[in-house]
Amino acid sequence: MNRSSTIWLLLALVLGFYSLYVFSSGPRESLWVAVSGGVLAVASVAALASFVRSIKSRD
């Protein structure tokens, strides 16, 4: 695994865990919690997709 792949993986993990934290700690009715948690979740999935793409391009 090269450095770029590792960075994408770490970014995906950090964003994913922070998204879970936002969803679990905020009030359920808050629009801000839903929007920010959703954006973080989408960013995490995008970083994970970039990680997978960088791993596949190495082979």
PDB file of N, CA and C in Angstrom:
ATOM      1  N   MET A   1       0.853  -1.168   0.000  1.00  0.00           N
ATOM      2  CA  MET A   1       0.000   0.000   0.000  1.00  0.00           C
ATOM      3  C   MET A   1       0.904   1.238   0.000  1.00  0.00           C
ATOM      4  N   ASN A   2       0.688   2.127  -0.960  1.00  0.00           N
ATOM      5  CA  ASN A   2       1.512   3.317  -1.023  1.00  0.00           C
ATOM      6  C   ASN A   2       0.946   4.428  -0.128  1.00  0.00           C
ATOM      7  N   ARG A   3       1.645   5.536  -0.094  1.00  0.00           N
ATOM      8  CA  ARG A   3       1.272   6.617   0.819  1.00  0.00           C
ATOM      9  C   ARG A   3      -0.092   7.224   0.488  1.00  0.00           C
ATOM     10  N   SER A   4      -0.376   7.388  -0.794  1.00  0.00           N
ATOM     11  CA  SER A   4      -1.653   7.956  -1.213  1.00  0.00           C
ATOM     12  C   SER A   4      -2.822   7.070  -0.766  1.00  0.00           C
ATOM     13  N   SER A   5      -2.678   5.769  -0.914  1.00  0.00           N
ATOM     14  CA  SER A   5      -3.734   4.846  -0.496  1.00  0.00           C
ATOM     15  C   SER A   5      -3.969   4.918   1.004  1.00  0.00           C
ATOM     16  N   THR A   6      -2.899   5.014   1.762  1.00  0.00           N
ATOM     17  CA  THR A   6      -3.014   5.096   3.214  1.00  0.00           C
ATOM     18  C   THR A   6      -3.724   6.378   3.645  1.00  0.00           C
ATOM     19  N   ILE A   7      -3.420   7.467   2.978  1.00  0.00           N
ATOM     20  CA  ILE A   7      -4.074   8.735   3.314  1.00  0.00           C
ATOM     21  C   ILE A   7      -5.566   8.662   3.023  1.00  0.00           C
ATOM     22  N   TRP A   8      -5.953   8.087   1.886  1.00  0.00           N
ATOM     23  CA  TRP A   8      -7.377   7.948   1.575  1.00  0.00           C
ATOM     24  C   TRP A   8      -8.090   7.065   2.596  1.00  0.00           C
ATOM     25  N   LEU A   9      -7.417   5.990   3.021  1.00  0.00           N
ATOM     26  CA  LEU A   9      -8.023   5.106   4.011  1.00  0.00           C
ATOM     27  C   LEU A   9      -8.192   5.810   5.352  1.00  0.00           C
ATOM     28  N   LEU A  10      -7.178   6.523   5.798  1.00  0.00           N
ATOM     29  CA  LEU A  10      -7.282   7.254   7.060  1.00  0.00           C
ATOM     30  C   LEU A  10      -8.359   8.327   6.993  1.00  0.00           C
ATOM     31  N   LEU A  11      -8.436   9.038   5.882  1.00  0.00           N
ATOM     32  CA  LEU A  11      -9.468  10.065   5.730  1.00  0.00           C
ATOM     33  C   LEU A  11     -10.861   9.446   5.781  1.00  0.00           C
ATOM     34  N   ALA A  12     -11.050   8.315   5.106  1.00  0.00           N
ATOM     35  CA  ALA A  12     -12.345   7.643   5.128  1.00  0.00           C
ATOM     36  C   ALA A  12     -12.723   7.213   6.539  1.00  0.00           C
ATOM     37  N   LEU A  13     -11.755   6.673   7.285  1.00  0.00           N
ATOM     38  CA  LEU A  13     -12.040   6.231   8.653  1.00  0.00           C
ATOM     39  C   LEU A  13     -12.358   7.401   9.578  1.00  0.00           C
ATOM     40  N   VAL A  14     -11.575   8.459   9.488  1.00  0.00           N
ATOM     41  CA  VAL A  14     -11.812   9.625  10.350  1.00  0.00           C
ATOM     42  C   VAL A  14     -13.168  10.248  10.048  1.00  0.00           C
ATOM     43  N   LEU A  15     -13.473  10.450   8.785  1.00  0.00           N
ATOM     44  CA  LEU A  15     -14.767  11.041   8.425  1.00  0.00           C
ATOM     45  C   LEU A  15     -15.929  10.129   8.817  1.00  0.00           C
ATOM     46  N   GLY A  16     -15.756   8.836   8.646  1.00  0.00           N
ATOM     47  CA  GLY A  16     -16.817   7.897   9.023  1.00  0.00           C
ATOM     48  C   GLY A  16     -17.097   7.895  10.510  1.00  0.00           C
ATOM     49  N   PHE A  17     -16.032   7.851  11.315  1.00  0.00           N
ATOM     50  CA  PHE A  17     -16.240   7.871  12.762  1.00  0.00           C
ATOM     51  C   PHE A  17     -16.786   9.206  13.240  1.00  0.00           C
ATOM     52  N   TYR A  18     -16.347  10.301  12.624  1.00  0.00           N
ATOM     53  CA  TYR A  18     -16.868  11.604  13.025  1.00  0.00           C
ATOM     54  C   TYR A  18     -18.334  11.738  12.631  1.00  0.00           C
ATOM     55  N   SER A  19     -18.711  11.162  11.499  1.00  0.00           N
ATOM     56  CA  SER A  19     -20.117  11.162  11.099  1.00  0.00           C
ATOM     57  C   SER A  19     -20.970  10.395  12.110  1.00  0.00           C
ATOM     58  N   LEU A  20     -20.483   9.248  12.551  1.00  0.00           N
ATOM     59  CA  LEU A  20     -21.211   8.486  13.577  1.00  0.00           C
ATOM     60  C   LEU A  20     -21.327   9.280  14.873  1.00  0.00           C
ATOM     61  N   TYR A  21     -20.254   9.989  15.235  1.00  0.00           N
ATOM     62  CA  TYR A  21     -20.267  10.815  16.440  1.00  0.00           C
ATOM     63  C   TYR A  21     -21.308  11.931  16.325  1.00  0.00           C
ATOM     64  N   VAL A  22     -21.369  12.583  15.179  1.00  0.00           N
ATOM     65  CA  VAL A  22     -22.330  13.668  14.989  1.00  0.00           C
ATOM     66  C   VAL A  22     -23.747  13.135  15.074  1.00  0.00           C
ATOM     67  N   PHE A  23     -24.010  12.002  14.414  1.00  0.00           N
ATOM     68  CA  PHE A  23     -25.356  11.427  14.451  1.00  0.00           C
ATOM     69  C   PHE A  23     -25.747  10.972  15.853  1.00  0.00           C
ATOM     70  N   SER A  24     -24.804  10.453  16.620  1.00  0.00           N
ATOM     71  CA  SER A  24     -25.154   9.905  17.932  1.00  0.00           C
ATOM     72  C   SER A  24     -25.190  10.957  19.038  1.00  0.00           C
ATOM     73  N   SER A  25     -24.500  12.068  18.867  1.00  0.00           N
ATOM     74  CA  SER A  25     -24.426  13.039  19.962  1.00  0.00           C
ATOM     75  C   SER A  25     -25.405  14.188  19.841  1.00  0.00           C
ATOM     76  N   GLY A  26     -25.892  14.461  18.656  1.00  0.00           N
ATOM     77  CA  GLY A  26     -26.764  15.621  18.461  1.00  0.00           C
ATOM     78  C   GLY A  26     -28.215  15.311  18.754  1.00  0.00           C
ATOM     79  N   PRO A  27     -29.001  16.365  18.918  1.00  0.00           N
ATOM     80  CA  PRO A  27     -30.449  16.159  19.101  1.00  0.00           C
ATOM     81  C   PRO A  27     -31.071  15.586  17.821  1.00  0.00           C
ATOM     82  N   ARG A  28     -32.011  14.722  17.978  1.00  0.00           N
ATOM     83  CA  ARG A  28     -32.586  13.996  16.842  1.00  0.00           C
ATOM     84  C   ARG A  28     -33.351  14.905  15.876  1.00  0.00           C
ATOM     85  N   GLU A  29     -33.942  15.970  16.356  1.00  0.00           N
ATOM     86  CA  GLU A  29     -34.782  16.810  15.514  1.00  0.00           C
ATOM     87  C   GLU A  29     -33.991  17.906  14.792  1.00  0.00           C
ATOM     88  N   SER A  30     -32.725  18.028  15.080  1.00  0.00           N
ATOM     89  CA  SER A  30     -31.936  19.122  14.542  1.00  0.00           C
ATOM     90  C   SER A  30     -31.609  18.902  13.068  1.00  0.00           C
ATOM     91  N   LEU A  31     -31.920  19.892  12.261  1.00  0.00           N
ATOM     92  CA  LEU A  31     -31.600  19.833  10.845  1.00  0.00           C
ATOM     93  C   LEU A  31     -30.084  19.892  10.641  1.00  0.00           C
ATOM     94  N   TRP A  32     -29.391  20.648  11.489  1.00  0.00           N
ATOM     95  CA  TRP A  32     -27.945  20.769  11.379  1.00  0.00           C
ATOM     96  C   TRP A  32     -27.259  19.416  11.566  1.00  0.00           C
ATOM     97  N   VAL A  33     -27.733  18.620  12.497  1.00  0.00           N
ATOM     98  CA  VAL A  33     -27.149  17.293  12.727  1.00  0.00           C
ATOM     99  C   VAL A  33     -27.356  16.409  11.504  1.00  0.00           C
ATOM    100  N   ALA A  34     -28.536  16.453  10.935  1.00  0.00           N
ATOM    101  CA  ALA A  34     -28.825  15.619   9.770  1.00  0.00           C
ATOM    102  C   ALA A  34     -27.989  16.045   8.565  1.00  0.00           C
ATOM    103  N   VAL A  35     -27.881  17.339   8.342  1.00  0.00           N
ATOM    104  CA  VAL A  35     -27.142  17.818   7.173  1.00  0.00           C
ATOM    105  C   VAL A  35     -25.639  17.573   7.333  1.00  0.00           C
ATOM    106  N   SER A  36     -25.081  17.953   8.475  1.00  0.00           N
ATOM    107  CA  SER A  36     -23.640  17.789   8.653  1.00  0.00           C
ATOM    108  C   SER A  36     -23.254  16.310   8.725  1.00  0.00           C
ATOM    109  N   GLY A  37     -24.046  15.500   9.391  1.00  0.00           N
ATOM    110  CA  GLY A  37     -23.777  14.069   9.432  1.00  0.00           C
ATOM    111  C   GLY A  37     -23.879  13.426   8.059  1.00  0.00           C
ATOM    112  N   GLY A  38     -24.859  13.858   7.280  1.00  0.00           N
ATOM    113  CA  GLY A  38     -25.007  13.335   5.917  1.00  0.00           C
ATOM    114  C   GLY A  38     -23.850  13.721   5.019  1.00  0.00           C
ATOM    115  N   VAL A  39     -23.407  14.966   5.128  1.00  0.00           N
ATOM    116  CA  VAL A  39     -22.266  15.416   4.322  1.00  0.00           C
ATOM    117  C   VAL A  39     -21.007  14.644   4.707  1.00  0.00           C
ATOM    118  N   LEU A  40     -20.795  14.452   5.998  1.00  0.00           N
ATOM    119  CA  LEU A  40     -19.633  13.687   6.451  1.00  0.00           C
ATOM    120  C   LEU A  40     -19.699  12.236   5.976  1.00  0.00           C
ATOM    121  N   ALA A  41     -20.883  11.648   6.001  1.00  0.00           N
ATOM    122  CA  ALA A  41     -21.030  10.265   5.546  1.00  0.00           C
ATOM    123  C   ALA A  41     -20.742  10.147   4.051  1.00  0.00           C
ATOM    124  N   VAL A  42     -21.233  11.094   3.262  1.00  0.00           N
ATOM    125  CA  VAL A  42     -20.979  11.078   1.821  1.00  0.00           C
ATOM    126  C   VAL A  42     -19.489  11.269   1.541  1.00  0.00           C
ATOM    127  N   ALA A  43     -18.855  12.173   2.274  1.00  0.00           N
ATOM    128  CA  ALA A  43     -17.416  12.395   2.103  1.00  0.00           C
ATOM    129  C   ALA A  43     -16.618  11.149   2.483  1.00  0.00           C
ATOM    130  N   SER A  44     -17.068  10.453   3.497  1.00  0.00           N
ATOM    131  CA  SER A  44     -16.393   9.223   3.906  1.00  0.00           C
ATOM    132  C   SER A  44     -16.498   8.155   2.826  1.00  0.00           C
ATOM    133  N   VAL A  45     -17.668   8.017   2.244  1.00  0.00           N
ATOM    134  CA  VAL A  45     -17.853   7.031   1.166  1.00  0.00           C
ATOM    135  C   VAL A  45     -17.017   7.416  -0.056  1.00  0.00           C
ATOM    136  N   ALA A  46     -16.938   8.703  -0.363  1.00  0.00           N
ATOM    137  CA  ALA A  46     -16.120   9.155  -1.492  1.00  0.00           C
ATOM    138  C   ALA A  46     -14.637   8.872  -1.239  1.00  0.00           C
ATOM    139  N   ALA A  47     -14.169   9.110  -0.021  1.00  0.00           N
ATOM    140  CA  ALA A  47     -12.773   8.815   0.310  1.00  0.00           C
ATOM    141  C   ALA A  47     -12.510   7.319   0.253  1.00  0.00           C
ATOM    142  N   LEU A  48     -13.465   6.527   0.701  1.00  0.00           N
ATOM    143  CA  LEU A  48     -13.316   5.077   0.621  1.00  0.00           C
ATOM    144  C   LEU A  48     -13.272   4.608  -0.832  1.00  0.00           C
ATOM    145  N   ALA A  49     -14.094   5.220  -1.688  1.00  0.00           N
ATOM    146  CA  ALA A  49     -14.063   4.873  -3.116  1.00  0.00           C
ATOM    147  C   ALA A  49     -12.720   5.251  -3.733  1.00  0.00           C
ATOM    148  N   SER A  50     -12.170   6.381  -3.340  1.00  0.00           N
ATOM    149  CA  SER A  50     -10.850   6.778  -3.843  1.00  0.00           C
ATOM    150  C   SER A  50      -9.769   5.814  -3.364  1.00  0.00           C
ATOM    151  N   PHE A  51      -9.905   5.337  -2.136  1.00  0.00           N
ATOM    152  CA  PHE A  51      -8.967   4.343  -1.616  1.00  0.00           C
ATOM    153  C   PHE A  51      -9.021   3.064  -2.444  1.00  0.00           C
ATOM    154  N   VAL A  52     -10.214   2.578  -2.702  1.00  0.00           N
ATOM    155  CA  VAL A  52     -10.367   1.343  -3.483  1.00  0.00           C
ATOM    156  C   VAL A  52      -9.831   1.543  -4.899  1.00  0.00           C
ATOM    157  N   ARG A  53     -10.120   2.693  -5.496  1.00  0.00           N
ATOM    158  CA  ARG A  53      -9.633   2.980  -6.842  1.00  0.00           C
ATOM    159  C   ARG A  53      -8.108   3.038  -6.885  1.00  0.00           C
ATOM    160  N   SER A  54      -7.484   3.628  -5.860  1.00  0.00           N
ATOM    161  CA  SER A  54      -6.023   3.714  -5.845  1.00  0.00           C
ATOM    162  C   SER A  54      -5.381   2.334  -5.622  1.00  0.00           C
ATOM    163  N   ILE A  55      -6.057   1.483  -4.863  1.00  0.00           N
ATOM    164  CA  ILE A  55      -5.555   0.109  -4.685  1.00  0.00           C
ATOM    165  C   ILE A  55      -5.668  -0.675  -5.991  1.00  0.00           C
ATOM    166  N   LYS A  56      -6.786  -0.532  -6.686  1.00  0.00           N
ATOM    167  CA  LYS A  56      -6.973  -1.265  -7.944  1.00  0.00           C
ATOM    168  C   LYS A  56      -6.043  -0.776  -9.039  1.00  0.00           C
ATOM    169  N   SER A  57      -5.709   0.508  -9.033  1.00  0.00           N
ATOM    170  CA  SER A  57      -4.840   1.044 -10.080  1.00  0.00           C
ATOM    171  C   SER A  57      -3.396   0.604  -9.892  1.00  0.00           C
ATOM    172  N   ARG A  58      -3.037   0.185  -8.713  1.00  0.00           N
ATOM    173  CA  ARG A  58      -1.675  -0.326  -8.459  1.00  0.00           C
ATOM    174  C   ARG A  58      -1.458  -1.668  -9.114  1.00  0.00           C
ATOM    175  N   ASP A  59      -2.500  -2.466  -9.216  1.00  0.00           N
ATOM    176  CA  ASP A  59      -2.353  -3.835  -9.745  1.00  0.00           C
ATOM    177  C   ASP A  59      -2.274  -3.853 -11.240  1.00  0.00           C
TER     178      ASP A  59
END
